[in-house]
C-alpha atoms as a PDB file:
ATOM      1  CA  UNK A   1       6.773 -17.917   1.963  1.00  0.00           C
ATOM      2  CA  UNK A   2       4.961 -15.360  -0.158  1.00  0.00           C
ATOM      3  CA  UNK A   3       3.126 -12.375   1.341  1.00  0.00           C
ATOM      4  CA  UNK A   4      -0.449 -11.769   0.120  1.00  0.00           C
ATOM      5  CA  UNK A   5      -1.787  -8.268  -0.327  1.00  0.00           C
ATOM      6  CA  UNK A   6      -5.490  -8.260   0.528  1.00  0.00           C
ATOM      7  CA  UNK A   7      -7.760  -5.548  -0.840  1.00  0.00           C
ATOM      8  CA  UNK A   8     -10.806  -5.610   1.395  1.00  0.00           C
ATOM      9  CA  UNK A   9     -13.537  -3.642   3.060  1.00  0.00           C
ATOM     10  CA  UNK A  10     -16.024  -4.553   0.340  1.00  0.00           C
ATOM     11  CA  UNK A  11     -17.625  -5.310   2.744  1.00  0.00           C
ATOM     12  CA  UNK A  12     -15.803  -5.600   6.022  1.00  0.00           C
ATOM     13  CA  UNK A  13     -17.585  -8.788   7.316  1.00  0.00           C
ATOM     14  CA  UNK A  14     -16.159 -10.926   4.518  1.00  0.00           C
ATOM     15  CA  UNK A  15     -12.750  -9.270   4.872  1.00  0.00           C
ATOM     16  CA  UNK A  16     -12.800 -10.259   8.536  1.00  0.00           C
ATOM     17  CA  UNK A  17     -13.654 -13.818   7.472  1.00  0.00           C
ATOM     18  CA  UNK A  18     -10.728 -13.849   5.045  1.00  0.00           C
ATOM     19  CA  UNK A  19      -8.344 -12.832   7.833  1.00  0.00           C
ATOM     20  CA  UNK A  20      -9.789 -15.473  10.163  1.00  0.00           C
ATOM     21  CA  UNK A  21      -9.727 -18.327   7.650  1.00  0.00           C
ATOM     22  CA  UNK A  22      -6.297 -17.521   6.254  1.00  0.00           C
ATOM     23  CA  UNK A  23      -4.779 -17.623   9.716  1.00  0.00           C
ATOM     24  CA  UNK A  24      -6.601 -20.859  10.582  1.00  0.00           C
ATOM     25  CA  UNK A  25      -5.438 -22.534   7.361  1.00  0.00           C
ATOM     26  CA  UNK A  26      -1.913 -21.195   7.825  1.00  0.00           C
ATOM     27  CA  UNK A  27      -1.762 -22.549  11.358  1.00  0.00           C
ATOM     28  CA  UNK A  28      -2.953 -25.932  10.136  1.00  0.00           C
ATOM     29  CA  UNK A  29      -0.335 -25.961   7.380  1.00  0.00           C
ATOM     30  CA  UNK A  30       2.514 -24.943   9.700  1.00  0.00           C
ATOM     31  CA  UNK A  31       2.032 -25.156  13.466  1.00  0.00           C
ATOM     32  CA  UNK A  32      -0.653 -23.635  15.702  1.00  0.00           C
ATOM     33  CA  UNK A  33       0.190 -20.212  17.043  1.00  0.00           C
ATOM     34  CA  UNK A  34       1.605 -18.867  13.812  1.00  0.00           C
ATOM     35  CA  UNK A  35      -0.174 -15.931  12.182  1.00  0.00           C
ATOM     36  CA  UNK A  36       0.103 -15.118   8.511  1.00  0.00           C
ATOM     37  CA  UNK A  37       2.371 -12.331   7.308  1.00  0.00           C
ATOM     38  CA  UNK A  38       0.106 -10.290   5.051  1.00  0.00           C
ATOM     39  CA  UNK A  39      -0.770  -6.794   3.872  1.00  0.00           C
ATOM     40  CA  UNK A  40      -4.350  -5.553   4.218  1.00  0.00           C
ATOM     41  CA  UNK A  41      -5.671  -2.466   2.444  1.00  0.00           C
ATOM     42  CA  UNK A  42      -9.294  -1.809   3.412  1.00  0.00           C
ATOM     43  CA  UNK A  43     -11.548   0.433   1.301  1.00  0.00           C
ATOM     44  CA  UNK A  44     -14.499   2.522   2.418  1.00  0.00           C
ATOM     45  CA  UNK A  45     -17.084   0.510   0.517  1.00  0.00           C
ATOM     46  CA  UNK A  46     -19.858   3.075   0.837  1.00  0.00           C
ATOM     47  CA  UNK A  47     -17.768   5.676  -0.961  1.00  0.00           C
ATOM     48  CA  UNK A  48     -16.932   3.100  -3.650  1.00  0.00           C
ATOM     49  CA  UNK A  49     -20.644   2.278  -4.065  1.00  0.00           C
ATOM     50  CA  UNK A  50     -21.589   5.961  -4.285  1.00  0.00           C
ATOM     51  CA  UNK A  51     -19.053   6.473  -7.056  1.00  0.00           C
ATOM     52  CA  UNK A  52     -20.478   3.541  -9.018  1.00  0.00           C
ATOM     53  CA  UNK A  53     -24.106   4.556  -8.401  1.00  0.00           C
ATOM     54  CA  UNK A  54     -23.472   8.108  -9.604  1.00  0.00           C
ATOM     55  CA  UNK A  55     -21.612   7.256 -12.821  1.00  0.00           C
ATOM     56  CA  UNK A  56     -18.225   8.036 -11.303  1.00  0.00           C
ATOM     57  CA  UNK A  57     -16.656   4.761 -12.313  1.00  0.00           C
ATOM     58  CA  UNK A  58     -13.281   6.386 -12.916  1.00  0.00           C
ATOM     59  CA  UNK A  59     -13.180   7.535  -9.287  1.00  0.00           C
ATOM     60  CA  UNK A  60     -14.158   4.040  -8.107  1.00  0.00           C
ATOM     61  CA  UNK A  61     -11.415   2.473 -10.207  1.00  0.00           C
ATOM     62  CA  UNK A  62      -8.916   4.947  -8.786  1.00  0.00           C
ATOM     63  CA  UNK A  63      -9.783   3.712  -5.293  1.00  0.00           C
ATOM     64  CA  UNK A  64      -8.909   0.209  -6.450  1.00  0.00           C
ATOM     65  CA  UNK A  65      -5.762   1.175  -8.342  1.00  0.00           C
ATOM     66  CA  UNK A  66      -4.508   3.187  -5.353  1.00  0.00           C
ATOM     67  CA  UNK A  67      -5.125   0.166  -3.130  1.00  0.00           C
ATOM     68  CA  UNK A  68      -3.238  -2.097  -5.510  1.00  0.00           C
ATOM     69  CA  UNK A  69      -0.267   0.260  -5.537  1.00  0.00           C
ATOM     70  CA  UNK A  70      -0.361   0.551  -1.735  1.00  0.00           C
ATOM     71  CA  UNK A  71      -0.161  -3.226  -1.425  1.00  0.00           C
ATOM     72  CA  UNK A  72       2.771  -3.336  -3.805  1.00  0.00           C
ATOM     73  CA  UNK A  73       4.602  -0.599  -1.885  1.00  0.00           C
ATOM     74  CA  UNK A  74       3.941  -2.419   1.400  1.00  0.00           C
ATOM     75  CA  UNK A  75       5.754  -5.493   0.138  1.00  0.00           C
ATOM     76  CA  UNK A  76       3.005  -7.803  -1.088  1.00  0.00           C
ATOM     77  CA  UNK A  77       4.148 -10.613  -3.370  1.00  0.00           C
ATOM     78  CA  UNK A  78       0.710 -11.184  -4.896  1.00  0.00           C
ATOM     79  CA  UNK A  79      -2.780  -9.684  -4.736  1.00  0.00           C
ATOM     80  CA  UNK A  80      -6.123 -10.891  -3.408  1.00  0.00           C
ATOM     81  CA  UNK A  81      -9.489  -9.172  -3.859  1.00  0.00           C
ATOM     82  CA  UNK A  82     -11.620 -10.234  -0.894  1.00  0.00           C
ATOM     83  CA  UNK A  83     -14.855  -9.744  -2.840  1.00  0.00           C
ATOM     84  CA  UNK A  84     -16.240 -11.538  -5.878  1.00  0.00           C
ATOM     85  CA  UNK A  85     -17.616  -8.398  -7.479  1.00  0.00           C
ATOM     86  CA  UNK A  86     -14.295  -6.564  -7.612  1.00  0.00           C
ATOM     87  CA  UNK A  87     -12.913  -9.201  -9.987  1.00  0.00           C
ATOM     88  CA  UNK A  88     -15.052  -7.878 -12.829  1.00  0.00           C
ATOM     89  CA  UNK A  89     -12.850  -4.755 -12.931  1.00  0.00           C
ATOM     90  CA  UNK A  90      -9.580  -6.621 -13.455  1.00  0.00           C
ATOM     91  CA  UNK A  91      -9.346  -5.935 -17.187  1.00  0.00           C
ATOM     92  CA  UNK A  92      -9.665  -2.197 -16.606  1.00  0.00           C
ATOM     93  CA  UNK A  93      -7.172  -2.334 -13.737  1.00  0.00           C
ATOM     94  CA  UNK A  94      -4.582  -4.314 -15.699  1.00  0.00           C
ATOM     95  CA  UNK A  95      -2.296  -1.290 -16.352  1.00  0.00           C
ATOM     96  CA  UNK A  96      -1.909  -0.816 -12.584  1.00  0.00           C
ATOM     97  CA  UNK A  97      -1.257  -4.443 -11.682  1.00  0.00           C
ATOM     98  CA  UNK A  98       2.315  -5.687 -11.595  1.00  0.00           C
ATOM     99  CA  UNK A  99       1.856  -8.644  -9.274  1.00  0.00           C
ATOM    100  CA  UNK A 100       0.164 -12.040  -9.690  1.00  0.00           C
ATOM    101  CA  UNK A 101      -3.477 -12.305  -8.607  1.00  0.00           C
ATOM    102  CA  UNK A 102      -5.196 -15.327  -7.122  1.00  0.00           C
ATOM    103  CA  UNK A 103      -8.519 -15.123  -8.962  1.00  0.00           C
ATOM    104  CA  UNK A 104     -11.582 -16.241  -7.019  1.00  0.00           C
ATOM    105  CA  UNK A 105     -13.383 -17.565 -10.102  1.00  0.00           C
ATOM    106  CA  UNK A 106     -10.396 -19.658 -11.218  1.00  0.00           C
ATOM    107  CA  UNK A 107     -10.243 -21.371  -7.842  1.00  0.00           C
ATOM    108  CA  UNK A 108     -14.007 -21.878  -7.709  1.00  0.00           C
ATOM    109  CA  UNK A 109     -14.310 -23.170 -11.272  1.00  0.00           C
ATOM    110  CA  UNK A 110     -11.631 -25.751 -10.539  1.00  0.00           C
ATOM    111  CA  UNK A 111     -13.465 -26.840  -7.390  1.00  0.00           C
ATOM    112  CA  UNK A 112     -16.752 -27.202  -9.310  1.00  0.00           C
ATOM    113  CA  UNK A 113     -15.045 -29.224 -12.033  1.00  0.00           C
ATOM    114  CA  UNK A 114     -13.313 -31.455  -9.483  1.00  0.00           C
ATOM    115  CA  UNK A 115     -16.738 -32.345  -8.062  1.00  0.00           C
ATOM    116  CA  UNK A 116     -17.864 -33.514 -11.505  1.00  0.00           C
ATOM    117  CA  UNK A 117     -20.649 -30.944 -11.776  1.00  0.00           C
ATOM    118  CA  UNK A 118     -21.768 -29.891 -15.254  1.00  0.00           C
ATOM    119  CA  UNK A 119     -24.485 -27.355 -14.429  1.00  0.00           C
ATOM    120  CA  UNK A 120     -24.075 -24.912 -11.562  1.00  0.00           C
ATOM    121  CA  UNK A 121     -26.069 -22.010 -10.154  1.00  0.00           C
ATOM    122  CA  UNK A 122     -24.437 -18.667  -9.405  1.00  0.00           C
ATOM    123  CA  UNK A 123     -25.658 -16.311  -6.685  1.00  0.00           C
ATOM    124  CA  UNK A 124     -24.190 -12.926  -5.808  1.00  0.00           C
ATOM    125  CA  UNK A 125     -24.549  -9.240  -6.570  1.00  0.00           C
ATOM    126  CA  UNK A 126     -25.919  -8.307  -9.973  1.00  0.00           C
ATOM    127  CA  UNK A 127     -22.490  -7.267 -11.246  1.00  0.00           C
ATOM    128  CA  UNK A 128     -21.155 -10.752 -10.563  1.00  0.00           C
ATOM    129  CA  UNK A 129     -24.145 -12.694 -11.877  1.00  0.00           C
ATOM    130  CA  UNK A 130     -24.591 -10.583 -15.013  1.00  0.00           C
ATOM    131  CA  UNK A 131     -20.926 -10.332 -16.017  1.00  0.00           C
ATOM    132  CA  UNK A 132     -18.979 -13.181 -17.587  1.00  0.00           C
ATOM    133  CA  UNK A 133     -15.887 -13.673 -15.432  1.00  0.00           C
ATOM    134  CA  UNK A 134     -17.401 -16.744 -13.771  1.00  0.00           C
ATOM    135  CA  UNK A 135     -19.175 -18.080 -16.840  1.00  0.00           C
ATOM    136  CA  UNK A 136     -16.104 -18.028 -19.086  1.00  0.00           C
ATOM    137  CA  UNK A 137     -13.942 -19.832 -16.534  1.00  0.00           C
ATOM    138  CA  UNK A 138     -16.606 -22.434 -15.872  1.00  0.00           C
ATOM    139  CA  UNK A 139     -17.118 -22.989 -19.606  1.00  0.00           C
ATOM    140  CA  UNK A 140     -13.450 -23.957 -19.915  1.00  0.00           C
ATOM    141  CA  UNK A 141     -14.274 -26.890 -17.642  1.00  0.00           C
ATOM    142  CA  UNK A 142     -17.419 -27.789 -19.576  1.00  0.00           C
ATOM    143  CA  UNK A 143     -19.690 -26.346 -16.873  1.00  0.00           C
ATOM    144  CA  UNK A 144     -22.881 -24.422 -17.694  1.00  0.00           C
ATOM    145  CA  UNK A 145     -23.811 -21.497 -15.431  1.00  0.00           C
ATOM    146  CA  UNK A 146     -27.377 -20.630 -14.444  1.00  0.00           C
ATOM    147  CA  UNK A 147     -28.310 -17.410 -12.640  1.00  0.00           C
ATOM    148  CA  UNK A 148     -31.545 -16.515 -10.801  1.00  0.00           C
ATOM    149  CA  UNK A 149     -34.296 -14.650 -12.634  1.00  0.00           C
ATOM    150  CA  UNK A 150     -34.541 -10.863 -12.674  1.00  0.00           C
ATOM    151  CA  UNK A 151     -36.768 -10.589  -9.599  1.00  0.00           C
ATOM    152  CA  UNK A 152     -34.526 -12.823  -7.498  1.00  0.00           C
ATOM    153  CA  UNK A 153     -31.405 -10.962  -8.624  1.00  0.00           C
ATOM    154  CA  UNK A 154     -32.988  -7.698  -7.511  1.00  0.00           C
ATOM    155  CA  UNK A 155     -33.972  -9.148  -4.123  1.00  0.00           C
ATOM    156  CA  UNK A 156     -30.485 -10.525  -3.504  1.00  0.00           C
ATOM    157  CA  UNK A 157     -28.857  -7.240  -4.466  1.00  0.00           C
ATOM    158  CA  UNK A 158     -31.005  -5.364  -1.966  1.00  0.00           C
ATOM    159  CA  UNK A 159     -30.324  -7.775   0.890  1.00  0.00           C
ATOM    160  CA  UNK A 160     -26.597  -7.965   0.236  1.00  0.00           C
ATOM    161  CA  UNK A 161     -26.076  -4.199   0.218  1.00  0.00           C
ATOM    162  CA  UNK A 162     -28.581  -3.219   2.891  1.00  0.00           C
ATOM    163  CA  UNK A 163     -27.761  -6.039   5.307  1.00  0.00           C
ATOM    164  CA  UNK A 164     -24.936  -8.471   4.620  1.00  0.00           C
ATOM    165  CA  UNK A 165     -22.129  -6.025   3.865  1.00  0.00           C
ATOM    166  CA  UNK A 166     -23.092  -4.230   7.077  1.00  0.00           C
ATOM    167  CA  UNK A 167     -22.787  -7.407   9.134  1.00  0.00           C
ATOM    168  CA  UNK A 168     -26.547  -7.994   9.465  1.00  0.00           C
ATOM    169  CA  UNK A 169     -27.658 -11.604   9.070  1.00  0.00           C
ATOM    170  CA  UNK A 170     -31.316 -12.400   9.743  1.00  0.00           C
ATOM    171  CA  UNK A 171     -33.439 -15.531   9.627  1.00  0.00           C
ATOM    172  CA  UNK A 172     -35.814 -13.833   7.226  1.00  0.00           C
ATOM    173  CA  UNK A 173     -33.080 -13.112   4.690  1.00  0.00           C
ATOM    174  CA  UNK A 174     -31.684 -16.623   5.082  1.00  0.00           C
ATOM    175  CA  UNK A 175     -35.108 -18.049   4.226  1.00  0.00           C
ATOM    176  CA  UNK A 176     -35.306 -15.847   1.120  1.00  0.00           C
ATOM    177  CA  UNK A 177     -31.892 -16.989  -0.104  1.00  0.00           C
ATOM    178  CA  UNK A 178     -32.783 -20.635   0.506  1.00  0.00           C
ATOM    179  CA  UNK A 179     -35.958 -20.237  -1.567  1.00  0.00           C
ATOM    180  CA  UNK A 180     -33.902 -18.732  -4.402  1.00  0.00           C
ATOM    181  CA  UNK A 181     -31.577 -21.727  -4.171  1.00  0.00           C
ATOM    182  CA  UNK A 182     -34.544 -24.071  -4.465  1.00  0.00           C
ATOM    183  CA  UNK A 183     -35.733 -22.270  -7.591  1.00  0.00           C
ATOM    184  CA  UNK A 184     -32.265 -22.708  -9.104  1.00  0.00           C
ATOM    185  CA  UNK A 185     -32.413 -26.452  -8.466  1.00  0.00           C
ATOM    186  CA  UNK A 186     -35.684 -26.500 -10.405  1.00  0.00           C
ATOM    187  CA  UNK A 187     -33.626 -25.312 -13.376  1.00  0.00           C
ATOM    188  CA  UNK A 188     -31.498 -28.416 -13.118  1.00  0.00           C
ATOM    189  CA  UNK A 189     -28.399 -27.141 -11.343  1.00  0.00           C
ATOM    190  CA  UNK A 190     -26.312 -29.720  -9.472  1.00  0.00           C
ATOM    191  CA  UNK A 191     -24.695 -27.224  -7.102  1.00  0.00           C
ATOM    192  CA  UNK A 192     -24.672 -23.520  -6.296  1.00  0.00           C
ATOM    193  CA  UNK A 193     -21.776 -21.077  -6.157  1.00  0.00           C
ATOM    194  CA  UNK A 194     -22.138 -18.599  -3.311  1.00  0.00           C
ATOM    195  CA  UNK A 195     -20.569 -15.902  -5.445  1.00  0.00           C
ATOM    196  CA  UNK A 196     -20.690 -13.118  -2.887  1.00  0.00           C
ATOM    197  CA  UNK A 197     -18.249 -13.508  -0.023  1.00  0.00           C
ATOM    198  CA  UNK A 198     -20.937 -12.515   2.498  1.00  0.00           C
ATOM    199  CA  UNK A 199     -23.469 -15.192   1.452  1.00  0.00           C
ATOM    200  CA  UNK A 200     -21.608 -18.049   3.212  1.00  0.00           C
ATOM    201  CA  UNK A 201     -21.958 -16.011   6.401  1.00  0.00           C
ATOM    202  CA  UNK A 202     -25.744 -16.157   5.925  1.00  0.00           C
ATOM    203  CA  UNK A 203     -26.328 -19.657   4.535  1.00  0.00           C
ATOM    204  CA  UNK A 204     -24.171 -22.689   5.314  1.00  0.00           C
ATOM    205  CA  UNK A 205     -24.292 -26.176   3.838  1.00  0.00           C
ATOM    206  CA  UNK A 206     -25.973 -27.421   7.012  1.00  0.00           C
ATOM    207  CA  UNK A 207     -28.974 -25.221   6.158  1.00  0.00           C
ATOM    208  CA  UNK A 208     -29.774 -26.898   2.844  1.00  0.00           C
ATOM    209  CA  UNK A 209     -29.622 -30.279   1.173  1.00  0.00           C
ATOM    210  CA  UNK A 210     -27.559 -28.912  -1.697  1.00  0.00           C
ATOM    211  CA  UNK A 211     -23.950 -28.845  -2.849  1.00  0.00           C
ATOM    212  CA  UNK A 212     -22.730 -25.347  -2.057  1.00  0.00           C
ATOM    213  CA  UNK A 213     -19.479 -23.734  -3.134  1.00  0.00           C
ATOM    214  CA  UNK A 214     -18.566 -21.088  -0.525  1.00  0.00           C
ATOM    215  CA  UNK A 215     -16.181 -18.916  -2.489  1.00  0.00           C
ATOM    216  CA  UNK A 216     -14.572 -17.356   0.583  1.00  0.00           C
ATOM    217  CA  UNK A 217     -13.297 -20.715   1.823  1.00  0.00           C
ATOM    218  CA  UNK A 218     -12.303 -21.868  -1.664  1.00  0.00           C
ATOM    219  CA  UNK A 219     -10.453 -18.627  -2.345  1.00  0.00           C
ATOM    220  CA  UNK A 220      -8.636 -18.654   1.003  1.00  0.00           C
ATOM    221  CA  UNK A 221      -7.360 -22.194   0.374  1.00  0.00           C
ATOM    222  CA  UNK A 222      -6.056 -21.107  -3.040  1.00  0.00           C
ATOM    223  CA  UNK A 223      -4.401 -18.066  -1.432  1.00  0.00           C
ATOM    224  CA  UNK A 224      -2.700 -20.297   1.123  1.00  0.00           C
ATOM    225  CA  UNK A 225      -1.330 -22.496  -1.671  1.00  0.00           C
ATOM    226  CA  UNK A 226       0.212 -19.373  -3.170  1.00  0.00           C
ATOM    227  CA  UNK A 227       1.609 -18.350   0.222  1.00  0.00           C
ATOM    228  CA  UNK A 228       3.349 -21.685   0.651  1.00  0.00           C
ATOM    229  CA  UNK A 229       4.536 -21.877  -2.963  1.00  0.00           C
ATOM    230  CA  UNK A 230       8.306 -21.815  -3.255  1.00  0.00           C
END
């Protein structure tokens, strides 16, 4: 068994979901009653956001690099970022990483490809939608990525940071996200990646007649495969 080192808190609701799902999947793979041996390093996301908002990126990256090193010292065998957006910093964090990482976009891109989809929508925070770490991985599978327009990206960003990362999930915000999904389908997408780990807590596949890719669940299953890898 390999021990995952989870870097979470960004925000705490999705980190809680990671812990819940990983233990459920682990129990299913072994026997009920077992809980997963893991390391969890939780950040204060508001401090991280303030650093980024005030052009203190170096301080924000130090929070991440310190967390990575803490996981290594605590005995983690590999690393897991429990947020989509943090993955865009991996190139800059490379000098501090000495363990394998289960990348959320690798796992999701494989899932999209396995479903035979060639054009997929991507929803999340602006940093995720406007960077290329999803697009490049999807392109390797021959999948085109479509993101919402500027206005919808701004609306999602506001809801995610003012509500979802604080554990607030309202019917009004769900309706807004569903409308954005509908506009993506008008652009010809065959499925939609819920590329913020809080979005699947707001909108589930039972809410829409669409193929959704909840990255939290996909990522947790990939993490479990790494756990059980000998």
